[in-house]
Amino acid sequence: MKAVQYDRFSNDINDIYFNTSAPLPEASGDNVVVKVMAAAVNPMDWKVQHGMFKDLWGGFSFMFTMGYEFAGTIHEISPSAPSTNFKAGDKVFAVQWGVQKPRGQHYDPLEDAPVGGAFAEYVLVPLSKLSRIPDGISFEKAAALPLAGTTAYEALFECVNLREGERILILGGSGAVGSIAIQLAKMYGASFVATTAPSRAVDYVNQFRVTDRVITCDTINWWEDPELKNIDVVFDAVCEQDAFEHAKKVLKSQGRFVTVSIGDPALGLDPTAHRPLEYAAWMCNWNDSKIQDKLIGLMAQGKLKMPIERMYEFTREGVLAMLERSEEGESLGKGVLNIALDS
């Protein structure tokens, strides 16, 4: 089968291979084979390839097949699989990542299962990580949702426990995680939703019609904005430099802060280490099929949007163009790989 792979950590995009003869995975036990129709890009794809997390997480093995979120159809279920309502041919999607809370990791000791593997014609994935794609949702829309969606949901409701009537600032509202977070925050009752975005992305953010304040981060320091007072929660969804130190200037004394960035030495990993703040820590998404189910249900009802910026062909040139666009950090919407949508 075709698969996008690398055999070592490298900052060079040319060290990524487009393998046309990768072995087809085989279903065994709880692990089923899914025929991938579409897969979406995330900053995690190139950050892991660059080796940014090699000292933090174990579980890396080479040759590694890239890609962490996908949608497709179940191709094979092992005869030894546990009883399940899934069957061959079912339309499914998932984020292929660890299940550890509150920081999912690049391996899955609880499942003894692989991670990644979505940039390929077939992927091996545990049944427990799969969610069904409802009628009316395309493969590409489903593929664009799970990683950014679960990250946003888990940050807001599993980490900082956003409550109805609270005031929240979400850094990076034009990014994939941030754009879902602003929608979820308003949907679940936040009384004031502010976000940051570059000037070029303000119209993109405004299309969701959920923000009370959009601060153009290329023209003003958001922590000096007079409307950002007595904020209950700050969610850094864009890995902004010194976000925690700046957040403390706008948070209530017992406010909460969560970030997807591991690069702030002032923060640390203990969410209770910065009293009187109620919570302040880094998080990384973890697989939770129940959250995937909830998010895809909201999308099917038209209550949650995840725009697709561009579709890319499943060729080496297409894959590299998609990764380069993600690394530029200027995408407005998701990049999605067309692996078998035309078949």
Protein backbone atom coordinates (compact mmCIF):
# COMPACT_ATOMS: atom_id res chain seq x y z
CA MET A 1 0.00 0.00 0.00
CA LYS A 2 0.97 3.67 -0.21
CA ALA A 3 2.08 5.35 3.02
CA VAL A 4 3.85 8.54 4.13
CA GLN A 5 6.75 7.58 6.40
CA TYR A 6 10.07 8.58 7.94
CA ASP A 7 12.86 6.54 9.49
CA ARG A 8 14.42 9.13 11.81
CA PHE A 9 13.73 12.50 13.41
CA SER A 10 14.68 15.33 11.09
CA ASN A 11 13.95 18.99 10.39
CA ASP A 12 14.27 18.28 6.68
CA ILE A 13 10.96 17.70 4.94
CA ASN A 14 12.83 15.81 2.22
CA ASP A 15 13.48 13.01 4.74
CA ILE A 16 9.81 12.08 4.46
CA TYR A 17 9.19 9.11 2.16
CA PHE A 18 6.19 8.34 -0.03
CA ASN A 19 6.38 4.57 0.19
CA THR A 20 4.43 2.78 -2.54
CA SER A 21 5.07 -0.71 -1.18
CA ALA A 22 4.40 -0.46 2.55
CA PRO A 23 2.98 -3.64 4.11
CA LEU A 24 -0.77 -3.83 4.54
CA PRO A 25 -1.71 -3.97 8.25
CA GLU A 26 -3.53 -7.05 9.54
CA ALA A 27 -6.41 -7.04 11.99
CA SER A 28 -5.76 -8.81 15.29
CA GLY A 29 -7.59 -8.78 18.58
CA ASP A 30 -9.11 -5.35 19.22
CA ASN A 31 -7.14 -3.76 16.37
CA VAL A 32 -9.10 -3.43 13.12
CA VAL A 33 -8.02 -2.30 9.67
CA VAL A 34 -9.69 0.82 8.27
CA LYS A 35 -9.51 1.80 4.61
CA VAL A 36 -8.60 5.49 4.82
CA MET A 37 -10.63 7.81 2.61
CA ALA A 38 -9.34 11.14 3.97
CA ALA A 39 -6.82 12.27 6.59
CA ALA A 40 -6.13 15.74 8.00
CA VAL A 41 -2.90 17.53 8.82
CA ASN A 42 -2.00 18.95 12.23
CA PRO A 43 1.05 20.76 13.61
CA MET A 44 1.71 17.59 15.60
CA ASP A 45 2.61 15.81 12.33
CA TRP A 46 5.67 17.92 11.60
CA LYS A 47 6.52 18.65 15.23
CA VAL A 48 6.87 14.94 15.96
CA GLN A 49 8.88 14.44 12.75
CA HIS A 50 11.21 17.25 13.86
CA GLY A 51 11.84 15.38 17.12
CA MET A 52 10.34 18.07 19.36
CA PHE A 53 8.88 15.48 21.75
CA LYS A 54 11.49 12.71 21.61
CA ASP A 55 12.76 13.48 25.12
CA LEU A 56 9.26 13.78 26.55
CA TRP A 57 7.56 10.66 25.21
CA GLY A 58 8.69 7.15 24.62
CA GLY A 59 7.15 4.75 22.18
CA PHE A 60 8.72 5.99 18.97
CA SER A 61 9.54 3.31 16.44
CA PHE A 62 10.72 3.55 12.86
CA MET A 63 9.69 3.23 10.03
CA PHE A 64 6.91 5.55 11.29
CA THR A 65 3.78 6.24 9.28
CA MET A 66 2.55 9.81 9.67
CA GLY A 67 -0.97 11.09 10.32
CA TYR A 68 -3.12 11.14 13.45
CA GLU A 69 -6.72 11.81 12.31
CA PHE A 70 -8.65 10.12 9.56
CA ALA A 71 -11.99 8.94 8.23
CA GLY A 72 -12.75 5.83 6.22
CA THR A 73 -14.52 2.48 6.19
CA ILE A 74 -13.79 -0.62 8.25
CA HIS A 75 -11.93 -3.05 5.99
CA GLU A 76 -11.24 -5.98 8.32
CA ILE A 77 -12.17 -7.10 11.82
CA SER A 78 -10.30 -10.00 13.35
CA PRO A 79 -12.27 -13.15 14.25
CA SER A 80 -10.72 -12.82 17.72
CA ALA A 81 -12.04 -9.25 18.20
CA PRO A 82 -14.27 -8.64 21.22
CA SER A 83 -17.99 -8.35 20.62
CA THR A 84 -18.76 -5.09 18.82
CA ASN A 85 -21.53 -3.29 17.00
CA PHE A 86 -19.09 -2.32 14.26
CA LYS A 87 -18.90 -4.34 11.06
CA ALA A 88 -16.92 -4.27 7.82
CA GLY A 89 -18.01 -1.39 5.60
CA ASP A 90 -19.05 0.92 8.45
CA LYS A 91 -18.05 4.58 8.02
CA VAL A 92 -15.81 5.64 10.91
CA PHE A 93 -13.36 8.32 12.02
CA ALA A 94 -10.91 8.75 14.88
CA VAL A 95 -7.86 10.46 16.28
CA GLN A 96 -5.12 7.83 16.46
CA TRP A 97 -3.40 8.96 19.66
CA GLY A 98 -2.83 7.81 23.23
CA VAL A 99 -5.60 7.64 25.81
CA GLN A 100 -3.76 8.96 28.89
CA LYS A 101 -5.34 11.90 30.74
CA PRO A 102 -4.67 14.84 30.97
CA ARG A 103 -1.81 14.60 28.50
CA GLY A 104 -2.20 11.97 25.83
CA GLN A 105 1.08 10.52 24.65
CA HIS A 106 2.67 9.15 21.52
CA TYR A 107 2.13 5.57 22.60
CA ASP A 108 -0.70 3.60 24.10
CA PRO A 109 0.36 1.26 26.91
CA LEU A 110 -3.23 0.80 28.05
CA GLU A 111 -4.27 -0.44 24.62
CA ASP A 112 -0.94 -1.94 23.50
CA ALA A 113 -1.86 -0.30 20.22
CA PRO A 114 -0.14 1.80 17.57
CA VAL A 115 -0.57 5.55 17.13
CA GLY A 116 -0.37 7.54 13.91
CA GLY A 117 -0.57 5.73 10.60
CA ALA A 118 -3.34 7.82 9.02
CA PHE A 119 -1.39 9.05 5.98
CA ALA A 120 -1.77 5.67 4.31
CA GLU A 121 -4.29 3.69 2.33
CA TYR A 122 -5.03 1.52 5.38
CA VAL A 123 -4.56 2.11 9.10
CA LEU A 124 -4.59 -0.22 12.11
CA VAL A 125 -6.67 1.16 14.98
CA PRO A 126 -8.35 -0.20 18.14
CA LEU A 127 -12.12 -0.56 17.95
CA SER A 128 -12.38 1.45 21.16
CA LYS A 129 -11.03 4.56 19.41
CA LEU A 130 -13.52 4.59 16.54
CA SER A 131 -16.63 6.72 16.14
CA ARG A 132 -19.32 6.38 13.51
CA ILE A 133 -19.79 9.00 10.81
CA PRO A 134 -23.47 9.99 10.71
CA ASP A 135 -25.44 10.47 7.51
CA GLY A 136 -24.80 13.83 5.88
CA ILE A 137 -21.19 14.18 7.02
CA SER A 138 -18.53 13.65 4.37
CA PHE A 139 -15.32 11.74 4.94
CA GLU A 140 -13.27 14.91 4.59
CA LYS A 141 -15.36 16.79 7.16
CA ALA A 142 -15.11 13.88 9.59
CA ALA A 143 -11.35 13.61 9.09
CA ALA A 144 -10.88 17.31 9.87
CA LEU A 145 -12.62 17.13 13.24
CA PRO A 146 -11.25 14.68 15.83
CA LEU A 147 -7.79 15.93 16.85
CA ALA A 148 -8.58 19.65 17.00
CA GLY A 149 -12.06 18.91 18.31
CA THR A 150 -11.06 16.64 21.16
CA THR A 151 -8.21 19.00 22.10
CA ALA A 152 -10.60 21.95 22.37
CA TYR A 153 -13.29 20.00 24.24
CA GLU A 154 -10.87 18.38 26.68
CA ALA A 155 -9.09 21.65 27.42
CA LEU A 156 -12.33 23.49 28.15
CA PHE A 157 -14.36 20.85 29.96
CA GLU A 158 -11.93 18.21 31.25
CA CYS A 159 -9.06 20.50 32.31
CA VAL A 160 -10.33 23.98 33.25
CA ASN A 161 -14.01 22.97 33.63
CA LEU A 162 -15.53 25.99 31.89
CA ARG A 163 -18.83 26.90 33.54
CA GLU A 164 -21.98 28.59 32.34
CA GLY A 165 -21.84 32.36 32.70
CA GLU A 166 -18.04 32.61 32.81
CA ARG A 167 -15.75 34.90 30.85
CA ILE A 168 -13.12 33.24 28.66
CA LEU A 169 -10.25 34.33 26.46
CA ILE A 170 -9.10 31.85 23.79
CA LEU A 171 -5.77 32.65 22.18
CA GLY A 172 -5.66 31.72 18.51
CA GLY A 173 -9.30 31.72 17.45
CA SER A 174 -8.40 31.38 13.79
CA GLY A 175 -6.54 28.11 14.30
CA ALA A 176 -8.22 24.72 14.13
CA VAL A 177 -8.29 24.15 17.90
CA GLY A 178 -9.14 27.76 18.66
CA SER A 179 -11.97 27.99 16.15
CA ILE A 180 -13.65 24.94 17.65
CA ALA A 181 -13.00 26.21 21.18
CA ILE A 182 -14.73 29.54 20.61
CA GLN A 183 -17.78 27.73 19.24
CA LEU A 184 -17.93 25.26 22.13
CA ALA A 185 -17.41 27.98 24.76
CA LYS A 186 -20.38 30.00 23.53
CA MET A 187 -22.48 26.88 22.92
CA TYR A 188 -21.99 25.73 26.51
CA GLY A 189 -22.93 29.03 28.08
CA ALA A 190 -19.90 31.30 28.44
CA SER A 191 -21.20 34.84 28.91
CA PHE A 192 -18.18 36.49 27.26
CA VAL A 193 -15.98 34.87 24.61
CA ALA A 194 -12.91 36.81 23.50
CA THR A 195 -10.23 35.59 21.16
CA THR A 196 -7.08 36.73 19.39
CA ALA A 197 -6.35 36.52 15.68
CA PRO A 198 -4.15 38.29 13.15
CA SER A 199 -5.84 41.07 11.19
CA ARG A 200 -6.00 38.93 8.05
CA ALA A 201 -8.06 36.30 9.92
CA VAL A 202 -10.71 38.48 11.59
CA ASP A 203 -13.34 37.80 8.93
CA TYR A 204 -12.62 34.07 9.22
CA VAL A 205 -13.24 34.17 12.99
CA ASN A 206 -16.33 36.34 12.63
CA GLN A 207 -18.02 33.80 10.34
CA PHE A 208 -18.71 31.63 13.40
CA ARG A 209 -20.73 34.45 15.03
CA VAL A 210 -19.82 33.43 18.57
CA THR A 211 -17.20 35.92 19.79
CA ASP A 212 -17.88 39.02 21.85
CA ARG A 213 -14.41 40.43 21.22
CA VAL A 214 -11.76 39.69 18.57
CA ILE A 215 -8.38 41.22 19.40
CA THR A 216 -6.00 41.66 16.48
CA CYS A 217 -2.80 40.28 17.98
CA ASP A 218 -0.60 41.88 15.30
CA THR A 219 -1.73 45.39 16.27
CA ILE A 220 -2.22 45.25 20.05
CA ASN A 221 -0.95 43.35 23.08
CA TRP A 222 -4.05 41.46 24.14
CA TRP A 223 -3.17 41.63 27.83
CA GLU A 224 -3.44 45.44 27.57
CA ASP A 225 -6.94 45.37 26.08
CA PRO A 226 -9.26 47.26 28.48
CA GLU A 227 -12.12 44.80 27.93
CA LEU A 228 -10.09 41.88 29.27
CA LYS A 229 -10.77 42.22 32.97
CA ASN A 230 -11.81 39.57 35.48
CA ILE A 231 -11.41 36.72 33.02
CA ASP A 232 -12.30 33.30 34.48
CA VAL A 233 -10.42 31.16 31.93
CA VAL A 234 -7.59 31.68 29.45
CA PHE A 235 -7.00 28.90 26.94
CA ASP A 236 -3.83 29.21 24.87
CA ALA A 237 -4.74 27.23 21.75
CA VAL A 238 -1.86 28.54 19.65
CA CYS A 239 1.33 28.01 21.71
CA GLU A 240 1.89 31.74 22.22
CA GLN A 241 5.20 32.75 23.78
CA ASP A 242 4.91 33.86 27.43
CA ALA A 243 1.17 33.27 27.34
CA PHE A 244 0.97 32.26 31.00
CA GLU A 245 2.76 35.35 32.32
CA HIS A 246 0.52 37.58 30.23
CA ALA A 247 -2.61 35.64 31.16
CA LYS A 248 -2.08 36.34 34.85
CA LYS A 249 -2.60 40.04 34.05
CA VAL A 250 -6.20 39.47 32.93
CA LEU A 251 -7.28 36.45 34.99
CA LYS A 252 -9.25 36.60 38.21
CA SER A 253 -7.15 35.72 41.25
CA GLN A 254 -8.67 32.21 41.25
CA GLY A 255 -8.92 31.89 37.50
CA ARG A 256 -7.80 28.98 35.33
CA PHE A 257 -5.24 28.67 32.54
CA VAL A 258 -4.55 25.84 30.12
CA THR A 259 -2.25 25.67 27.12
CA VAL A 260 -1.34 23.25 24.35
CA SER A 261 2.26 24.45 24.52
CA ILE A 262 4.97 22.60 26.45
CA GLY A 263 7.47 25.40 25.90
CA ASP A 264 6.76 27.62 28.92
CA PRO A 265 9.19 26.79 31.76
CA ALA A 266 7.32 29.11 34.12
CA LEU A 267 4.22 26.93 33.92
CA GLY A 268 5.23 23.33 34.63
CA LEU A 269 2.92 20.32 34.67
CA ASP A 270 1.25 20.51 38.10
CA PRO A 271 -2.11 22.31 37.65
CA THR A 272 -2.22 23.19 41.38
CA ALA A 273 1.27 24.73 41.55
CA HIS A 274 0.24 28.32 40.92
CA ARG A 275 -2.14 29.18 43.74
CA PRO A 276 -4.37 31.08 44.11
CA LEU A 277 -5.08 30.14 40.48
CA GLU A 278 -7.43 27.17 40.52
CA TYR A 279 -5.74 25.48 37.53
CA ALA A 280 -2.69 26.22 35.39
CA ALA A 281 -1.00 23.57 33.24
CA TRP A 282 -0.16 22.20 29.83
CA MET A 283 -2.43 19.61 28.23
CA CYS A 284 -2.24 17.37 25.18
CA ASN A 285 -5.30 15.75 23.70
CA TRP A 286 -6.11 12.12 24.39
CA ASN A 287 -8.35 9.78 22.43
CA ASP A 288 -11.90 9.62 23.74
CA SER A 289 -14.45 8.14 21.35
CA LYS A 290 -17.35 9.48 23.45
CA ILE A 291 -16.12 13.02 22.89
CA GLN A 292 -15.67 12.25 19.18
CA ASP A 293 -19.29 11.04 19.12
CA LYS A 294 -20.48 14.25 20.78
CA LEU A 295 -18.55 16.51 18.41
CA ILE A 296 -19.63 14.75 15.22
CA GLY A 297 -23.21 14.90 16.49
CA LEU A 298 -22.94 18.67 16.89
CA MET A 299 -21.49 18.92 13.39
CA ALA A 300 -24.33 16.83 11.97
CA GLN A 301 -26.83 19.18 13.64
CA GLY A 302 -25.11 22.19 12.05
CA LYS A 303 -24.04 23.54 15.44
CA LEU A 304 -20.28 23.05 14.98
CA LYS A 305 -18.15 24.00 11.98
CA MET A 306 -14.63 23.03 10.98
CA PRO A 307 -13.90 24.65 7.60
CA ILE A 308 -11.56 22.95 5.17
CA GLU A 309 -9.06 25.33 3.60
CA ARG A 310 -7.78 22.99 0.91
CA MET A 311 -7.82 19.38 -0.26
CA TYR A 312 -4.47 17.81 -1.20
CA GLU A 313 -3.77 14.92 -3.53
CA PHE A 314 -2.26 11.74 -2.08
CA THR A 315 1.13 12.12 -3.79
CA ARG A 316 4.51 13.01 -2.36
CA GLU A 317 4.13 16.52 -3.75
CA GLY A 318 0.66 16.85 -2.27
CA VAL A 319 1.74 15.63 1.15
CA LEU A 320 4.77 17.91 1.31
CA ALA A 321 2.72 20.91 0.20
CA MET A 322 0.17 20.15 2.94
CA LEU A 323 2.86 19.86 5.63
CA GLU A 324 4.61 23.03 4.48
CA ARG A 325 1.33 24.96 4.59
CA SER A 326 0.70 23.75 8.14
CA GLU A 327 4.20 24.70 9.26
CA GLU A 328 3.77 28.22 7.88
CA GLY A 329 1.15 28.74 10.58
CA GLU A 330 -1.15 30.81 8.39
CA SER A 331 -3.86 28.29 7.49
CA LEU A 332 -7.48 29.33 7.81
CA GLY A 333 -9.21 25.99 8.10
CA LYS A 334 -7.92 22.45 7.83
CA GLY A 335 -5.75 20.86 5.19
CA VAL A 336 -7.13 17.46 4.23
CA LEU A 337 -5.49 14.67 2.24
CA ASN A 338 -7.64 13.00 -0.40
CA ILE A 339 -6.50 9.41 -0.07
CA ALA A 340 -9.35 7.50 -1.70
CA LEU A 341 -12.32 9.85 -2.06
CA ASP A 342 -12.36 9.34 -5.80
CA SER A 343 -12.28 5.54 -5.66
